[in-house]
Amino acid sequence: MERIRIAVVGLNFGAWMIEHELLSSSASKYIAIAGVCDYEKHKAREWADKLQVACYADLDEVLADSGVEAVALFSGPVGRARVIERIIEAGKHVMTTKPFGNDASEARAVLTKARMLGKTVHLNSPSPVLQGDLLQVQEWVRTLHLGRPIAFRAETTCCYRELENGSWYDDPALCPVAPIFRIGIYLIHDLIRFFGEVEAVSVQQSRIFTGRPTPDNAQIGLLFRNGAIGNIFASFCIEDQQYYKNAFVMNFERGTIYRNMGPRPRDKGNESQLQVAAVRDGEQMMQSCAVKSSEGYQWDIFHQTVRGERTEDPAYADHIVSGIRVIEMMRRQGEKSG
């Protein structure tokens, strides 16, 4: 199998990605690091020497290298859509991290262009295909005939005690309703796949421990076009060592699905605990299972799509844009509540 030659752009988060993701067996089977790039030249040189790969002075050099098939873009989210557009116009594919951007119209235009150019653009969230626990949720919804979505409650927490540092994390315009934007965004992407388009967003946010001007404790209420409602709580304030467990309860007209509800040991890692209670012919049915989490970068799907072995689901672009619309509404409401 011919691996995809990629250049890693952005070596802040990108350095973590190289160490913990790109060099892992699950990723390295599908991709080969061809070079690295960062505006801090010493970072790029250090990683280029360590990996024995090319060191690019800037993005222009990356795009000019005909040997690079794809870019792993791990720079900050500010202006990311425009950077992705430059990359696909240069004939290269893109794997990047959430969020795609903060402008839904701009995202739609870039994704439409990518499709016209035959270029693949994938993110870790929303993922291009349902896998793991979300695939099991979808299977229960279908096989147990759970019916229309009605409501959900979701939460994700961690323990940060951050200080202001002048980064985009400190700017409410670039990092709206910060805990939701930074860690709750996974839940946004997961849940709109089952509940559909969002009609309205309400915001509550506060600053408890943080030294940043942006909040560290927040929740959003979501009203969906189909009448369903939901709530997502995200916080940097809670120390219980159940970090980022992305728990939820999803109610349907004929049943309820639970993910990671109740205490969860840290050693569960990438495993989700799922339960369902449903009714069929007046009788209650209950099932439970432990399933690999759907979170993460789908390098296998990226490889198959780039190599033409699978066709991109047209709905994937819709999922990305729908999430950004929520961010837009959230930002507007956050400005009012802040």
C-alpha atoms as a PDB file:
ATOM      1  CA  MET A   1       0.000   0.000   0.000  1.00  0.00           C
ATOM      2  CA  GLU A   2       1.399   3.346  -1.059  1.00  0.00           C
ATOM      3  CA  ARG A   3       1.353   5.782   1.840  1.00  0.00           C
ATOM      4  CA  ILE A   4       0.321   9.422   1.443  1.00  0.00           C
ATOM      5  CA  ARG A   5       3.238  11.851   1.670  1.00  0.00           C
ATOM      6  CA  ILE A   6       2.218  14.711   3.923  1.00  0.00           C
ATOM      7  CA  ALA A   7       3.778  17.908   5.221  1.00  0.00           C
ATOM      8  CA  VAL A   8       2.958  18.887   8.804  1.00  0.00           C
ATOM      9  CA  VAL A   9       2.188  22.612   9.093  1.00  0.00           C
ATOM     10  CA  GLY A  10       2.013  24.116  12.590  1.00  0.00           C
ATOM     11  CA  LEU A  11       4.285  22.589  15.219  1.00  0.00           C
ATOM     12  CA  ASN A  12       2.645  23.737  18.406  1.00  0.00           C
ATOM     13  CA  PHE A  13      -0.222  21.253  18.444  1.00  0.00           C
ATOM     14  CA  GLY A  14       1.454  19.615  15.447  1.00  0.00           C
ATOM     15  CA  ALA A  15       4.398  18.476  17.575  1.00  0.00           C
ATOM     16  CA  TRP A  16       2.002  16.645  19.871  1.00  0.00           C
ATOM     17  CA  MET A  17       0.301  15.157  16.820  1.00  0.00           C
ATOM     18  CA  ILE A  18       3.588  13.884  15.419  1.00  0.00           C
ATOM     19  CA  GLU A  19       4.566  12.203  18.675  1.00  0.00           C
ATOM     20  CA  HIS A  20       1.206  10.764  19.666  1.00  0.00           C
ATOM     21  CA  GLU A  21      -0.656  10.304  16.385  1.00  0.00           C
ATOM     22  CA  LEU A  22       1.317  10.489  13.148  1.00  0.00           C
ATOM     23  CA  LEU A  23       4.088   8.137  14.255  1.00  0.00           C
ATOM     24  CA  SER A  24       1.624   5.644  15.726  1.00  0.00           C
ATOM     25  CA  SER A  25       0.916   2.364  14.009  1.00  0.00           C
ATOM     26  CA  SER A  26      -2.663   3.403  13.228  1.00  0.00           C
ATOM     27  CA  ALA A  27      -1.535   6.484  11.281  1.00  0.00           C
ATOM     28  CA  SER A  28       1.914   5.574   9.924  1.00  0.00           C
ATOM     29  CA  LYS A  29       0.393   2.671   8.031  1.00  0.00           C
ATOM     30  CA  TYR A  30      -1.378   5.210   5.832  1.00  0.00           C
ATOM     31  CA  ILE A  31       0.793   8.332   5.835  1.00  0.00           C
ATOM     32  CA  ALA A  32       4.481   9.214   5.621  1.00  0.00           C
ATOM     33  CA  ILE A  33       5.781  12.544   6.939  1.00  0.00           C
ATOM     34  CA  ALA A  34       7.608  14.263   4.068  1.00  0.00           C
ATOM     35  CA  GLY A  35       8.423  17.543   5.809  1.00  0.00           C
ATOM     36  CA  VAL A  36       7.533  20.052   8.510  1.00  0.00           C
ATOM     37  CA  CYS A  37       6.774  23.767   8.589  1.00  0.00           C
ATOM     38  CA  ASP A  38       6.301  26.379  11.313  1.00  0.00           C
ATOM     39  CA  TYR A  39       6.719  30.152  11.473  1.00  0.00           C
ATOM     40  CA  GLU A  40       9.065  29.546  14.423  1.00  0.00           C
ATOM     41  CA  LYS A  41      12.002  28.302  12.366  1.00  0.00           C
ATOM     42  CA  HIS A  42      13.804  26.589  15.240  1.00  0.00           C
ATOM     43  CA  LYS A  43      10.800  24.318  15.817  1.00  0.00           C
ATOM     44  CA  ALA A  44      10.718  23.297  12.177  1.00  0.00           C
ATOM     45  CA  ARG A  45      14.469  22.657  12.091  1.00  0.00           C
ATOM     46  CA  GLU A  46      14.350  20.627  15.305  1.00  0.00           C
ATOM     47  CA  TRP A  47      11.601  18.342  14.007  1.00  0.00           C
ATOM     48  CA  ALA A  48      13.072  18.101  10.515  1.00  0.00           C
ATOM     49  CA  ASP A  49      16.359  16.918  12.019  1.00  0.00           C
ATOM     50  CA  LYS A  50      14.625  14.524  14.380  1.00  0.00           C
ATOM     51  CA  LEU A  51      12.532  12.960  11.613  1.00  0.00           C
ATOM     52  CA  GLN A  52      15.110  13.355   8.840  1.00  0.00           C
ATOM     53  CA  VAL A  53      12.591  15.085   6.580  1.00  0.00           C
ATOM     54  CA  ALA A  54      12.382  18.382   4.674  1.00  0.00           C
ATOM     55  CA  CYS A  55      12.219  21.676   6.584  1.00  0.00           C
ATOM     56  CA  TYR A  56      10.029  24.224   4.804  1.00  0.00           C
ATOM     57  CA  ALA A  57      10.505  27.956   5.371  1.00  0.00           C
ATOM     58  CA  ASP A  58       6.827  28.735   4.828  1.00  0.00           C
ATOM     59  CA  LEU A  59       3.584  27.422   3.380  1.00  0.00           C
ATOM     60  CA  ASP A  60       4.562  28.578  -0.114  1.00  0.00           C
ATOM     61  CA  GLU A  61       7.501  26.154  -0.055  1.00  0.00           C
ATOM     62  CA  VAL A  62       5.208  23.344   1.032  1.00  0.00           C
ATOM     63  CA  LEU A  63       2.759  24.053  -1.770  1.00  0.00           C
ATOM     64  CA  ALA A  64       5.552  24.256  -4.333  1.00  0.00           C
ATOM     65  CA  ASP A  65       6.849  20.767  -3.486  1.00  0.00           C
ATOM     66  CA  SER A  66       5.323  18.383  -6.021  1.00  0.00           C
ATOM     67  CA  GLY A  67       6.327  15.447  -3.822  1.00  0.00           C
ATOM     68  CA  VAL A  68       3.904  16.497  -1.098  1.00  0.00           C
ATOM     69  CA  GLU A  69       0.443  15.014  -1.669  1.00  0.00           C
ATOM     70  CA  ALA A  70      -1.313  16.365   1.395  1.00  0.00           C
ATOM     71  CA  VAL A  71      -0.973  18.823   4.254  1.00  0.00           C
ATOM     72  CA  ALA A  72      -1.650  18.005   7.900  1.00  0.00           C
ATOM     73  CA  LEU A  73      -2.710  21.481   8.999  1.00  0.00           C
ATOM     74  CA  PHE A  74      -2.358  22.054  12.745  1.00  0.00           C
ATOM     75  CA  SER A  75      -1.971  25.819  12.927  1.00  0.00           C
ATOM     76  CA  GLY A  76      -4.520  27.898  14.873  1.00  0.00           C
ATOM     77  CA  PRO A  77      -8.115  28.241  13.665  1.00  0.00           C
ATOM     78  CA  VAL A  78      -7.840  31.930  12.747  1.00  0.00           C
ATOM     79  CA  GLY A  79      -8.023  32.140   8.945  1.00  0.00           C
ATOM     80  CA  ARG A  80      -7.949  28.354   8.589  1.00  0.00           C
ATOM     81  CA  ALA A  81     -10.548  28.232   5.796  1.00  0.00           C
ATOM     82  CA  ARG A  82      -8.462  30.546   3.627  1.00  0.00           C
ATOM     83  CA  VAL A  83      -5.343  28.454   4.279  1.00  0.00           C
ATOM     84  CA  ILE A  84      -7.221  25.290   3.317  1.00  0.00           C
ATOM     85  CA  GLU A  85      -8.347  27.005   0.120  1.00  0.00           C
ATOM     86  CA  ARG A  86      -4.728  27.803  -0.784  1.00  0.00           C
ATOM     87  CA  ILE A  87      -3.723  24.203  -0.157  1.00  0.00           C
ATOM     88  CA  ILE A  88      -6.432  22.625  -2.326  1.00  0.00           C
ATOM     89  CA  GLU A  89      -5.807  25.172  -5.094  1.00  0.00           C
ATOM     90  CA  ALA A  90      -2.195  23.967  -5.085  1.00  0.00           C
ATOM     91  CA  GLY A  91      -3.486  20.455  -5.778  1.00  0.00           C
ATOM     92  CA  LYS A  92      -3.011  18.950  -2.329  1.00  0.00           C
ATOM     93  CA  HIS A  93      -5.369  17.214   0.087  1.00  0.00           C
ATOM     94  CA  VAL A  94      -5.925  18.334   3.691  1.00  0.00           C
ATOM     95  CA  MET A  95      -6.269  16.698   7.075  1.00  0.00           C
ATOM     96  CA  THR A  96      -6.875  19.250   9.819  1.00  0.00           C
ATOM     97  CA  THR A  97      -8.263  19.634  13.304  1.00  0.00           C
ATOM     98  CA  LYS A  98     -11.491  21.112  14.569  1.00  0.00           C
ATOM     99  CA  PRO A  99     -12.849  23.690  14.054  1.00  0.00           C
ATOM    100  CA  PHE A 100     -12.791  24.121  10.270  1.00  0.00           C
ATOM    101  CA  GLY A 101     -13.434  27.852  10.750  1.00  0.00           C
ATOM    102  CA  ASN A 102     -15.934  30.309  12.155  1.00  0.00           C
ATOM    103  CA  ASP A 103     -17.758  31.427   8.993  1.00  0.00           C
ATOM    104  CA  ALA A 104     -20.302  28.988   7.566  1.00  0.00           C
ATOM    105  CA  SER A 105     -20.559  30.653   4.140  1.00  0.00           C
ATOM    106  CA  GLU A 106     -16.785  30.682   3.764  1.00  0.00           C
ATOM    107  CA  ALA A 107     -16.580  27.038   4.800  1.00  0.00           C
ATOM    108  CA  ARG A 108     -19.286  26.041   2.316  1.00  0.00           C
ATOM    109  CA  ALA A 109     -17.444  27.824  -0.510  1.00  0.00           C
ATOM    110  CA  VAL A 110     -14.114  26.160   0.308  1.00  0.00           C
ATOM    111  CA  LEU A 111     -15.634  22.701   0.643  1.00  0.00           C
ATOM    112  CA  THR A 112     -17.519  23.138  -2.626  1.00  0.00           C
ATOM    113  CA  LYS A 113     -14.272  24.136  -4.324  1.00  0.00           C
ATOM    114  CA  ALA A 114     -12.498  21.104  -2.850  1.00  0.00           C
ATOM    115  CA  ARG A 115     -15.158  18.821  -4.310  1.00  0.00           C
ATOM    116  CA  MET A 116     -14.866  20.499  -7.720  1.00  0.00           C
ATOM    117  CA  LEU A 117     -11.080  20.110  -7.634  1.00  0.00           C
ATOM    118  CA  GLY A 118     -11.287  16.499  -6.484  1.00  0.00           C
ATOM    119  CA  LYS A 119      -9.435  17.226  -3.256  1.00  0.00           C
ATOM    120  CA  THR A 120     -10.134  15.622   0.106  1.00  0.00           C
ATOM    121  CA  VAL A 121     -10.590  17.773   3.214  1.00  0.00           C
ATOM    122  CA  HIS A 122     -11.064  15.830   6.451  1.00  0.00           C
ATOM    123  CA  LEU A 123     -11.244  16.810  10.119  1.00  0.00           C
ATOM    124  CA  ASN A 124     -11.120  14.864  13.349  1.00  0.00           C
ATOM    125  CA  SER A 125     -14.495  16.418  14.282  1.00  0.00           C
ATOM    126  CA  PRO A 126     -16.855  15.992  12.621  1.00  0.00           C
ATOM    127  CA  SER A 127     -15.345  12.771  11.366  1.00  0.00           C
ATOM    128  CA  PRO A 128     -15.956  11.802   7.727  1.00  0.00           C
ATOM    129  CA  VAL A 129     -17.750   8.568   8.669  1.00  0.00           C
ATOM    130  CA  LEU A 130     -19.454   7.238  11.779  1.00  0.00           C
ATOM    131  CA  GLN A 131     -17.331   4.712  13.626  1.00  0.00           C
ATOM    132  CA  GLY A 132     -17.146   3.154  17.078  1.00  0.00           C
ATOM    133  CA  ASP A 133     -19.661   4.348  19.643  1.00  0.00           C
ATOM    134  CA  LEU A 134     -21.582   6.681  17.316  1.00  0.00           C
ATOM    135  CA  LEU A 135     -21.981   3.878  14.814  1.00  0.00           C
ATOM    136  CA  GLN A 136     -23.480   1.780  17.609  1.00  0.00           C
ATOM    137  CA  VAL A 137     -25.825   4.639  18.522  1.00  0.00           C
ATOM    138  CA  GLN A 138     -26.949   4.847  14.898  1.00  0.00           C
ATOM    139  CA  GLU A 139     -27.494   1.075  14.834  1.00  0.00           C
ATOM    140  CA  TRP A 140     -29.674   1.190  17.946  1.00  0.00           C
ATOM    141  CA  VAL A 141     -31.727   4.070  16.553  1.00  0.00           C
ATOM    142  CA  ARG A 142     -32.346   2.045  13.392  1.00  0.00           C
ATOM    143  CA  THR A 143     -32.823  -1.495  14.661  1.00  0.00           C
ATOM    144  CA  LEU A 144     -34.790  -0.619  17.804  1.00  0.00           C
ATOM    145  CA  HIS A 145     -36.989   1.815  15.873  1.00  0.00           C
ATOM    146  CA  LEU A 146     -36.445   4.602  18.411  1.00  0.00           C
ATOM    147  CA  GLY A 147     -38.218   7.140  16.215  1.00  0.00           C
ATOM    148  CA  ARG A 148     -37.952  10.924  16.298  1.00  0.00           C
ATOM    149  CA  PRO A 149     -35.258  12.654  18.360  1.00  0.00           C
ATOM    150  CA  ILE A 150     -36.744  14.547  21.305  1.00  0.00           C
ATOM    151  CA  ALA A 151     -33.958  15.888  23.540  1.00  0.00           C
ATOM    152  CA  PHE A 152     -30.426  15.461  24.889  1.00  0.00           C
ATOM    153  CA  ARG A 153     -28.206  16.516  27.778  1.00  0.00           C
ATOM    154  CA  ALA A 154     -24.457  16.395  27.224  1.00  0.00           C
ATOM    155  CA  GLU A 155     -21.337  17.349  29.136  1.00  0.00           C
ATOM    156  CA  THR A 156     -17.556  17.377  28.927  1.00  0.00           C
ATOM    157  CA  THR A 157     -15.200  18.641  31.619  1.00  0.00           C
ATOM    158  CA  CYS A 158     -11.555  18.988  32.569  1.00  0.00           C
ATOM    159  CA  CYS A 159      -9.383  20.931  35.018  1.00  0.00           C
ATOM    160  CA  TYR A 160      -7.525  23.964  33.595  1.00  0.00           C
ATOM    161  CA  ARG A 161      -6.179  26.897  35.571  1.00  0.00           C
ATOM    162  CA  GLU A 162      -4.999  29.068  32.695  1.00  0.00           C
ATOM    163  CA  LEU A 163      -3.421  32.504  32.520  1.00  0.00           C
ATOM    164  CA  GLU A 164      -3.766  35.174  29.850  1.00  0.00           C
ATOM    165  CA  ASN A 165      -1.048  34.833  27.215  1.00  0.00           C
ATOM    166  CA  GLY A 166      -2.222  36.942  24.270  1.00  0.00           C
ATOM    167  CA  SER A 167      -3.216  33.927  22.151  1.00  0.00           C
ATOM    168  CA  TRP A 168      -6.510  33.468  20.317  1.00  0.00           C
ATOM    169  CA  TYR A 169      -7.782  31.701  23.448  1.00  0.00           C
ATOM    170  CA  ASP A 170      -8.007  35.162  25.057  1.00  0.00           C
ATOM    171  CA  ASP A 171     -10.168  36.731  22.347  1.00  0.00           C
ATOM    172  CA  PRO A 172     -13.956  36.212  22.718  1.00  0.00           C
ATOM    173  CA  ALA A 173     -14.411  36.913  19.000  1.00  0.00           C
ATOM    174  CA  LEU A 174     -11.977  34.146  18.026  1.00  0.00           C
ATOM    175  CA  CYS A 175     -12.800  31.801  20.905  1.00  0.00           C
ATOM    176  CA  PRO A 176     -16.512  32.320  21.612  1.00  0.00           C
ATOM    177  CA  VAL A 177     -17.964  30.689  24.736  1.00  0.00           C
ATOM    178  CA  ALA A 178     -14.511  29.181  25.198  1.00  0.00           C
ATOM    179  CA  PRO A 179     -15.222  25.847  26.935  1.00  0.00           C
ATOM    180  CA  ILE A 180     -17.857  24.973  24.327  1.00  0.00           C
ATOM    181  CA  PHE A 181     -15.696  26.137  21.416  1.00  0.00           C
ATOM    182  CA  ARG A 182     -12.578  24.339  22.641  1.00  0.00           C
ATOM    183  CA  ILE A 183     -13.875  21.030  24.046  1.00  0.00           C
ATOM    184  CA  GLY A 184     -17.660  21.029  23.729  1.00  0.00           C
ATOM    185  CA  ILE A 185     -17.426  21.320  19.954  1.00  0.00           C
ATOM    186  CA  TYR A 186     -17.044  17.531  19.697  1.00  0.00           C
ATOM    187  CA  LEU A 187     -20.468  17.117  21.255  1.00  0.00           C
ATOM    188  CA  ILE A 188     -21.954  19.701  18.894  1.00  0.00           C
ATOM    189  CA  HIS A 189     -20.701  17.751  15.906  1.00  0.00           C
ATOM    190  CA  ASP A 190     -21.755  14.380  17.345  1.00  0.00           C
ATOM    191  CA  LEU A 191     -25.273  15.409  18.244  1.00  0.00           C
ATOM    192  CA  ILE A 192     -26.323  17.409  15.196  1.00  0.00           C
ATOM    193  CA  ARG A 193     -25.753  14.273  13.120  1.00  0.00           C
ATOM    194  CA  PHE A 194     -28.666  12.698  14.965  1.00  0.00           C
ATOM    195  CA  PHE A 195     -30.785  15.759  15.715  1.00  0.00           C
ATOM    196  CA  GLY A 196     -30.398  17.803  12.506  1.00  0.00           C
ATOM    197  CA  GLU A 197     -30.206  21.536  11.874  1.00  0.00           C
ATOM    198  CA  VAL A 198     -30.196  23.985  14.771  1.00  0.00           C
ATOM    199  CA  GLU A 199     -32.778  26.767  14.813  1.00  0.00           C
ATOM    200  CA  ALA A 200     -31.585  28.799  17.818  1.00  0.00           C
ATOM    201  CA  VAL A 201     -28.868  28.864  20.484  1.00  0.00           C
ATOM    202  CA  SER A 202     -28.877  30.297  24.008  1.00  0.00           C
ATOM    203  CA  VAL A 203     -25.726  30.813  26.085  1.00  0.00           C
ATOM    204  CA  GLN A 204     -24.738  30.922  29.741  1.00  0.00           C
ATOM    205  CA  GLN A 205     -21.095  31.434  30.665  1.00  0.00           C
ATOM    206  CA  SER A 206     -18.933  32.478  33.610  1.00  0.00           C
ATOM    207  CA  ARG A 207     -15.338  32.926  34.773  1.00  0.00           C
ATOM    208  CA  ILE A 208     -14.503  31.039  37.968  1.00  0.00           C
ATOM    209  CA  PHE A 209     -10.829  30.069  38.125  1.00  0.00           C
ATOM    210  CA  THR A 210      -9.401  31.231  34.812  1.00  0.00           C
ATOM    211  CA  GLY A 211      -6.921  34.064  34.402  1.00  0.00           C
ATOM    212  CA  ARG A 212      -8.029  34.541  30.813  1.00  0.00           C
ATOM    213  CA  PRO A 213     -10.628  37.134  29.783  1.00  0.00           C
ATOM    214  CA  THR A 214     -12.676  34.321  28.185  1.00  0.00           C
ATOM    215  CA  PRO A 215     -14.950  32.046  30.280  1.00  0.00           C
ATOM    216  CA  ASP A 216     -13.998  28.712  31.801  1.00  0.00           C
ATOM    217  CA  ASN A 217     -17.524  27.501  32.622  1.00  0.00           C
ATOM    218  CA  ALA A 218     -20.352  27.468  30.073  1.00  0.00           C
ATOM    219  CA  GLN A 219     -23.410  25.810  28.660  1.00  0.00           C
ATOM    220  CA  ILE A 220     -25.512  26.271  25.559  1.00  0.00           C
ATOM    221  CA  GLY A 221     -29.124  25.417  24.895  1.00  0.00           C
ATOM    222  CA  LEU A 222     -30.042  24.248  21.397  1.00  0.00           C
ATOM    223  CA  LEU A 223     -33.429  24.346  19.681  1.00  0.00           C
ATOM    224  CA  PHE A 224     -33.600  22.200  16.548  1.00  0.00           C
ATOM    225  CA  ARG A 225     -35.765  22.778  13.490  1.00  0.00           C
ATOM    226  CA  ASN A 226     -37.537  19.476  14.087  1.00  0.00           C
ATOM    227  CA  GLY A 227     -38.635  20.593  17.566  1.00  0.00           C
ATOM    228  CA  ALA A 228     -35.989  18.680  19.544  1.00  0.00           C
ATOM    229  CA  ILE A 229     -34.090  20.520  22.279  1.00  0.00           C
ATOM    230  CA  GLY A 230     -30.680  19.992  23.860  1.00  0.00           C
ATOM    231  CA  ASN A 231     -28.100  21.268  26.312  1.00  0.00           C
ATOM    232  CA  ILE A 232     -24.302  21.024  26.216  1.00  0.00           C
ATOM    233  CA  PHE A 233     -22.262  21.832  29.339  1.00  0.00           C
ATOM    234  CA  ALA A 234     -18.478  22.261  29.114  1.00  0.00           C
ATOM    235  CA  SER A 235     -16.147  23.366  31.872  1.00  0.00           C
ATOM    236  CA  PHE A 236     -12.458  23.800  32.649  1.00  0.00           C
ATOM    237  CA  CYS A 237     -13.275  23.994  36.379  1.00  0.00           C
ATOM    238  CA  ILE A 238     -13.861  20.401  37.475  1.00  0.00           C
ATOM    239  CA  GLU A 239     -11.191  18.106  38.896  1.00  0.00           C
ATOM    240  CA  ASP A 240     -12.565  14.578  39.037  1.00  0.00           C
ATOM    241  CA  GLN A 241     -10.087  12.958  36.640  1.00  0.00           C
ATOM    242  CA  GLN A 242     -12.866  12.078  34.208  1.00  0.00           C
ATOM    243  CA  TYR A 243     -11.433  14.394  31.580  1.00  0.00           C
ATOM    244  CA  TYR A 244     -13.189  14.856  28.218  1.00  0.00           C
ATOM    245  CA  LYS A 245     -15.502  11.875  28.685  1.00  0.00           C
ATOM    246  CA  ASN A 246     -18.130  13.499  26.403  1.00  0.00           C
ATOM    247  CA  ALA A 247     -21.144  12.064  28.189  1.00  0.00           C
ATOM    248  CA  PHE A 248     -24.698  12.356  26.916  1.00  0.00           C
ATOM    249  CA  VAL A 249     -28.278  11.198  27.265  1.00  0.00           C
ATOM    250  CA  MET A 250     -30.249  11.128  24.015  1.00  0.00           C
ATOM    251  CA  ASN A 251     -34.037  10.830  24.196  1.00  0.00           C
ATOM    252  CA  PHE A 252     -36.097   9.509  21.296  1.00  0.00           C
ATOM    253  CA  GLU A 253     -39.836   8.945  21.126  1.00  0.00           C
ATOM    254  CA  ARG A 254     -39.450   5.244  21.889  1.00  0.00           C
ATOM    255  CA  GLY A 255     -36.243   5.012  23.871  1.00  0.00           C
ATOM    256  CA  THR A 256     -33.189   6.606  25.477  1.00  0.00           C
ATOM    257  CA  ILE A 257     -29.467   6.137  24.779  1.00  0.00           C
ATOM    258  CA  TYR A 258     -26.777   6.842  27.400  1.00  0.00           C
ATOM    259  CA  ARG A 259     -23.046   7.363  26.773  1.00  0.00           C
ATOM    260  CA  ASN A 260     -20.510   7.486  29.614  1.00  0.00           C
ATOM    261  CA  MET A 261     -23.092   8.445  32.220  1.00  0.00           C
ATOM    262  CA  GLY A 262     -21.981   7.989  35.822  1.00  0.00           C
ATOM    263  CA  PRO A 263     -18.405   7.702  37.178  1.00  0.00           C
ATOM    264  CA  ARG A 264     -15.794   6.637  34.653  1.00  0.00           C
ATOM    265  CA  PRO A 265     -12.249   5.478  35.607  1.00  0.00           C
ATOM    266  CA  ARG A 266      -9.388   7.226  33.808  1.00  0.00           C
ATOM    267  CA  ASP A 267      -8.014   3.906  32.546  1.00  0.00           C
ATOM    268  CA  LYS A 268     -11.040   3.482  30.263  1.00  0.00           C
ATOM    269  CA  GLY A 269      -9.209   5.748  27.841  1.00  0.00           C
ATOM    270  CA  ASN A 270     -10.659   5.422  24.359  1.00  0.00           C
ATOM    271  CA  GLU A 271     -13.588   3.224  25.402  1.00  0.00           C
ATOM    272  CA  SER A 272     -17.184   4.408  25.688  1.00  0.00           C
ATOM    273  CA  GLN A 273     -19.839   2.823  27.872  1.00  0.00           C
ATOM    274  CA  LEU A 274     -23.189   2.706  26.050  1.00  0.00           C
ATOM    275  CA  GLN A 275     -26.644   1.785  27.302  1.00  0.00           C
ATOM    276  CA  VAL A 276     -30.076   1.868  25.714  1.00  0.00           C
ATOM    277  CA  ALA A 277     -33.576   1.504  27.117  1.00  0.00           C
ATOM    278  CA  ALA A 278     -36.328   1.062  24.533  1.00  0.00           C
ATOM    279  CA  VAL A 279     -39.894  -0.180  24.234  1.00  0.00           C
ATOM    280  CA  ARG A 280     -41.159  -2.720  21.705  1.00  0.00           C
ATOM    281  CA  ASP A 281     -44.704  -4.093  21.752  1.00  0.00           C
ATOM    282  CA  GLY A 282     -45.179  -2.584  25.187  1.00  0.00           C
ATOM    283  CA  GLU A 283     -42.172  -4.410  26.653  1.00  0.00           C
ATOM    284  CA  GLN A 284     -39.034  -2.692  27.908  1.00  0.00           C
ATOM    285  CA  MET A 285     -35.744  -3.687  26.273  1.00  0.00           C
ATOM    286  CA  MET A 286     -32.324  -2.840  27.711  1.00  0.00           C
ATOM    287  CA  GLN A 287     -28.866  -3.340  26.215  1.00  0.00           C
ATOM    288  CA  SER A 288     -25.358  -2.200  27.135  1.00  0.00           C
ATOM    289  CA  CYS A 289     -21.893  -2.478  25.657  1.00  0.00           C
ATOM    290  CA  ALA A 290     -18.381  -1.064  25.749  1.00  0.00           C
ATOM    291  CA  VAL A 291     -17.301   0.326  22.379  1.00  0.00           C
ATOM    292  CA  LYS A 292     -14.267   2.174  21.082  1.00  0.00           C
ATOM    293  CA  SER A 293     -14.816   5.920  21.016  1.00  0.00           C
ATOM    294  CA  SER A 294     -15.529   7.498  17.632  1.00  0.00           C
ATOM    295  CA  GLU A 295     -13.158  10.386  18.347  1.00  0.00           C
ATOM    296  CA  GLY A 296      -9.875  10.742  16.507  1.00  0.00           C
ATOM    297  CA  TYR A 297      -8.389  11.156  13.051  1.00  0.00           C
ATOM    298  CA  GLN A 298      -9.603   8.609  10.515  1.00  0.00           C
ATOM    299  CA  TRP A 299      -6.370   8.116   8.585  1.00  0.00           C
ATOM    300  CA  ASP A 300      -7.656   4.950   6.977  1.00  0.00           C
ATOM    301  CA  ILE A 301     -10.687   6.776   5.546  1.00  0.00           C
ATOM    302  CA  PHE A 302      -8.463   9.674   4.490  1.00  0.00           C
ATOM    303  CA  HIS A 303      -6.168   7.263   2.625  1.00  0.00           C
ATOM    304  CA  GLN A 304      -9.056   5.477   0.921  1.00  0.00           C
ATOM    305  CA  THR A 305     -10.611   8.763  -0.205  1.00  0.00           C
ATOM    306  CA  VAL A 306      -7.364  10.288  -1.465  1.00  0.00           C
ATOM    307  CA  ARG A 307      -6.534   7.087  -3.353  1.00  0.00           C
ATOM    308  CA  GLY A 308     -10.008   6.973  -4.906  1.00  0.00           C
ATOM    309  CA  GLU A 309     -11.002   3.751  -3.146  1.00  0.00           C
ATOM    310  CA  ARG A 310     -14.105   5.336  -1.615  1.00  0.00           C
ATOM    311  CA  THR A 311     -16.403   8.214  -2.513  1.00  0.00           C
ATOM    312  CA  GLU A 312     -16.903  11.079  -0.092  1.00  0.00           C
ATOM    313  CA  ASP A 313     -20.357  11.232   1.453  1.00  0.00           C
ATOM    314  CA  PRO A 314     -21.871  14.527   0.202  1.00  0.00           C
ATOM    315  CA  ALA A 315     -23.476  14.971   3.617  1.00  0.00           C
ATOM    316  CA  TYR A 316     -20.028  15.350   5.226  1.00  0.00           C
ATOM    317  CA  ALA A 317     -19.707  18.946   4.046  1.00  0.00           C
ATOM    318  CA  ASP A 318     -23.196  19.613   5.410  1.00  0.00           C
ATOM    319  CA  HIS A 319     -22.140  18.271   8.826  1.00  0.00           C
ATOM    320  CA  ILE A 320     -19.117  20.587   8.891  1.00  0.00           C
ATOM    321  CA  VAL A 321     -21.139  23.647   7.884  1.00  0.00           C
ATOM    322  CA  SER A 322     -23.949  22.859  10.332  1.00  0.00           C
ATOM    323  CA  GLY A 323     -21.460  22.845  13.191  1.00  0.00           C
ATOM    324  CA  ILE A 324     -20.059  26.208  12.127  1.00  0.00           C
ATOM    325  CA  ARG A 325     -23.568  27.678  12.017  1.00  0.00           C
ATOM    326  CA  VAL A 326     -23.934  26.712  15.667  1.00  0.00           C
ATOM    327  CA  ILE A 327     -20.630  28.481  16.404  1.00  0.00           C
ATOM    328  CA  GLU A 328     -21.886  31.600  14.632  1.00  0.00           C
ATOM    329  CA  MET A 329     -25.101  31.642  16.672  1.00  0.00           C
ATOM    330  CA  MET A 330     -23.159  30.862  19.817  1.00  0.00           C
ATOM    331  CA  ARG A 331     -20.778  33.770  19.216  1.00  0.00           C
ATOM    332  CA  ARG A 332     -23.627  36.218  18.747  1.00  0.00           C
ATOM    333  CA  GLN A 333     -25.398  35.030  21.889  1.00  0.00           C
ATOM    334  CA  GLY A 334     -22.124  34.941  23.806  1.00  0.00           C
ATOM    335  CA  GLU A 335     -21.493  38.592  23.017  1.00  0.00           C
ATOM    336  CA  LYS A 336     -24.897  39.442  24.523  1.00  0.00           C
ATOM    337  CA  SER A 337     -24.425  37.304  27.636  1.00  0.00           C
ATOM    338  CA  GLY A 338     -20.774  38.272  28.172  1.00  0.00           C
END
